[in-house]
Amino acid sequence: MNKNIKLLDKYDKKENIYKLVQLMANRVYQILNGAAVSPTIKEKDPIQIVMEEFLEQAENNE
């Protein structure tokens, strides 16, 4: 399944999707400025890293 679809399925439908976009953009900005990334994530692209982090977080919240 596509990561985008997985992420949208995990996201609370009552919230505005732009809030998710804002949260992800802020995290990408942090990574680009040198923030630590989980060692379990194998992606190199900051956007993909953030998507993996959000999916991991959503799975842990279930």
N, C-alpha and C. Protein backbone atom coordinates (compact mmCIF):
# COMPACT_ATOMS: atom_id res chain seq x y z
N MET A 1 0.85 -1.19 0.00
CA MET A 1 0.00 0.00 0.00
C MET A 1 0.89 1.24 0.00
N ASN A 2 0.47 2.25 -0.68
CA ASN A 2 1.18 3.51 -0.78
C ASN A 2 1.30 4.16 0.60
N LYS A 3 2.48 4.72 0.93
CA LYS A 3 2.69 5.38 2.23
C LYS A 3 1.72 6.53 2.44
N ASN A 4 1.43 7.28 1.39
CA ASN A 4 0.51 8.41 1.51
C ASN A 4 -0.87 7.95 1.96
N ILE A 5 -1.35 6.88 1.37
CA ILE A 5 -2.67 6.36 1.72
C ILE A 5 -2.66 5.80 3.13
N LYS A 6 -1.60 5.07 3.49
CA LYS A 6 -1.49 4.55 4.86
C LYS A 6 -1.54 5.68 5.88
N LEU A 7 -0.81 6.74 5.60
CA LEU A 7 -0.75 7.87 6.52
C LEU A 7 -2.12 8.53 6.66
N LEU A 8 -2.80 8.74 5.55
CA LEU A 8 -4.13 9.35 5.60
C LEU A 8 -5.13 8.46 6.32
N ASP A 9 -5.01 7.14 6.16
CA ASP A 9 -5.90 6.21 6.86
C ASP A 9 -5.69 6.27 8.37
N LYS A 10 -4.47 6.50 8.80
CA LYS A 10 -4.16 6.54 10.23
C LYS A 10 -4.52 7.87 10.86
N TYR A 11 -4.63 8.92 10.05
CA TYR A 11 -4.87 10.26 10.57
C TYR A 11 -6.33 10.43 10.97
N ASP A 12 -6.55 11.12 12.08
CA ASP A 12 -7.89 11.36 12.60
C ASP A 12 -8.71 12.16 11.59
N LYS A 13 -9.82 11.60 11.17
CA LYS A 13 -10.65 12.23 10.14
C LYS A 13 -11.34 13.50 10.64
N LYS A 14 -11.41 13.69 11.96
CA LYS A 14 -12.06 14.87 12.52
C LYS A 14 -11.16 16.10 12.43
N GLU A 15 -9.86 15.88 12.27
CA GLU A 15 -8.89 16.97 12.20
C GLU A 15 -8.76 17.46 10.76
N ASN A 16 -8.35 18.69 10.63
CA ASN A 16 -8.09 19.26 9.32
C ASN A 16 -6.79 18.67 8.77
N ILE A 17 -6.80 18.22 7.53
CA ILE A 17 -5.63 17.59 6.93
C ILE A 17 -4.45 18.56 6.85
N TYR A 18 -4.73 19.86 6.79
CA TYR A 18 -3.66 20.84 6.71
C TYR A 18 -2.86 20.91 8.01
N LYS A 19 -3.47 20.49 9.11
CA LYS A 19 -2.73 20.41 10.38
C LYS A 19 -1.65 19.33 10.27
N LEU A 20 -2.01 18.20 9.67
CA LEU A 20 -1.03 17.14 9.45
C LEU A 20 0.10 17.63 8.55
N VAL A 21 -0.24 18.32 7.49
CA VAL A 21 0.77 18.85 6.57
C VAL A 21 1.70 19.81 7.31
N GLN A 22 1.13 20.65 8.15
CA GLN A 22 1.94 21.60 8.92
C GLN A 22 2.87 20.87 9.88
N LEU A 23 2.37 19.86 10.58
CA LEU A 23 3.20 19.09 11.51
C LEU A 23 4.34 18.40 10.78
N MET A 24 4.03 17.83 9.62
CA MET A 24 5.06 17.15 8.85
C MET A 24 6.10 18.13 8.31
N ALA A 25 5.65 19.29 7.85
CA ALA A 25 6.58 20.30 7.34
C ALA A 25 7.52 20.79 8.44
N ASN A 26 6.98 20.97 9.64
CA ASN A 26 7.82 21.39 10.76
C ASN A 26 8.87 20.34 11.08
N ARG A 27 8.48 19.07 11.03
CA ARG A 27 9.43 17.99 11.33
C ARG A 27 10.52 17.90 10.24
N VAL A 28 10.14 18.08 8.98
CA VAL A 28 11.13 18.09 7.89
C VAL A 28 12.12 19.22 8.12
N TYR A 29 11.63 20.38 8.49
CA TYR A 29 12.50 21.53 8.77
C TYR A 29 13.48 21.19 9.89
N GLN A 30 12.99 20.52 10.95
CA GLN A 30 13.87 20.13 12.06
C GLN A 30 14.96 19.17 11.58
N ILE A 31 14.59 18.21 10.77
CA ILE A 31 15.56 17.24 10.26
C ILE A 31 16.61 17.94 9.39
N LEU A 32 16.16 18.85 8.54
CA LEU A 32 17.10 19.58 7.69
C LEU A 32 18.06 20.44 8.51
N ASN A 33 17.64 20.82 9.71
CA ASN A 33 18.50 21.61 10.59
C ASN A 33 19.29 20.75 11.57
N GLY A 34 19.30 19.43 11.36
CA GLY A 34 20.17 18.56 12.14
C GLY A 34 19.53 17.79 13.27
N ALA A 35 18.21 17.76 13.36
CA ALA A 35 17.55 17.00 14.42
C ALA A 35 17.81 15.50 14.24
N ALA A 36 17.82 14.80 15.34
CA ALA A 36 18.06 13.36 15.32
C ALA A 36 16.89 12.61 14.68
N VAL A 37 17.22 11.50 14.03
CA VAL A 37 16.23 10.65 13.38
C VAL A 37 16.35 9.26 13.99
N SER A 38 15.23 8.59 14.12
CA SER A 38 15.22 7.23 14.66
C SER A 38 16.14 6.32 13.85
N PRO A 39 16.95 5.51 14.51
CA PRO A 39 17.86 4.61 13.78
C PRO A 39 17.13 3.49 13.05
N THR A 40 15.85 3.26 13.36
CA THR A 40 15.11 2.19 12.69
C THR A 40 14.64 2.59 11.30
N ILE A 41 14.70 3.87 10.99
CA ILE A 41 14.23 4.37 9.69
C ILE A 41 15.38 4.32 8.69
N LYS A 42 15.14 3.66 7.58
CA LYS A 42 16.18 3.45 6.57
C LYS A 42 16.12 4.47 5.43
N GLU A 43 15.10 5.30 5.40
CA GLU A 43 14.94 6.29 4.33
C GLU A 43 16.01 7.36 4.41
N LYS A 44 16.31 7.99 3.28
CA LYS A 44 17.30 9.07 3.23
C LYS A 44 16.64 10.43 2.99
N ASP A 45 15.54 10.43 2.26
CA ASP A 45 14.83 11.67 1.94
C ASP A 45 14.07 12.17 3.17
N PRO A 46 14.27 13.43 3.58
CA PRO A 46 13.61 13.94 4.79
C PRO A 46 12.09 13.79 4.79
N ILE A 47 11.47 13.96 3.65
CA ILE A 47 10.01 13.82 3.58
C ILE A 47 9.61 12.37 3.85
N GLN A 48 10.34 11.43 3.27
CA GLN A 48 10.04 10.02 3.51
C GLN A 48 10.32 9.63 4.96
N ILE A 49 11.37 10.21 5.54
CA ILE A 49 11.68 9.96 6.95
C ILE A 49 10.51 10.39 7.83
N VAL A 50 9.99 11.58 7.56
CA VAL A 50 8.87 12.09 8.36
C VAL A 50 7.63 11.22 8.18
N MET A 51 7.37 10.78 6.97
CA MET A 51 6.22 9.91 6.74
C MET A 51 6.37 8.62 7.54
N GLU A 52 7.57 8.04 7.52
CA GLU A 52 7.83 6.82 8.29
C GLU A 52 7.64 7.07 9.79
N GLU A 53 8.13 8.20 10.28
CA GLU A 53 7.98 8.53 11.71
C GLU A 53 6.51 8.66 12.08
N PHE A 54 5.73 9.35 11.26
CA PHE A 54 4.31 9.53 11.55
C PHE A 54 3.56 8.20 11.50
N LEU A 55 3.91 7.33 10.54
CA LEU A 55 3.28 6.01 10.47
C LEU A 55 3.64 5.17 11.69
N GLU A 56 4.91 5.22 12.08
CA GLU A 56 5.37 4.49 13.26
C GLU A 56 4.64 4.97 14.51
N GLN A 57 4.50 6.28 14.63
CA GLN A 57 3.82 6.87 15.77
C GLN A 57 2.34 6.46 15.78
N ALA A 58 1.70 6.46 14.62
CA ALA A 58 0.29 6.08 14.53
C ALA A 58 0.09 4.62 14.90
N GLU A 59 1.01 3.76 14.48
CA GLU A 59 0.91 2.34 14.82
C GLU A 59 1.10 2.11 16.31
N ASN A 60 1.97 2.90 16.94
CA ASN A 60 2.19 2.77 18.38
C ASN A 60 1.00 3.27 19.18
N ASN A 61 0.22 4.20 18.62
CA ASN A 61 -0.94 4.75 19.31
C ASN A 61 -2.16 3.84 19.24
N GLU A 62 -2.13 2.85 18.35
CA GLU A 62 -3.29 1.96 18.20
C GLU A 62 -3.37 0.96 19.31
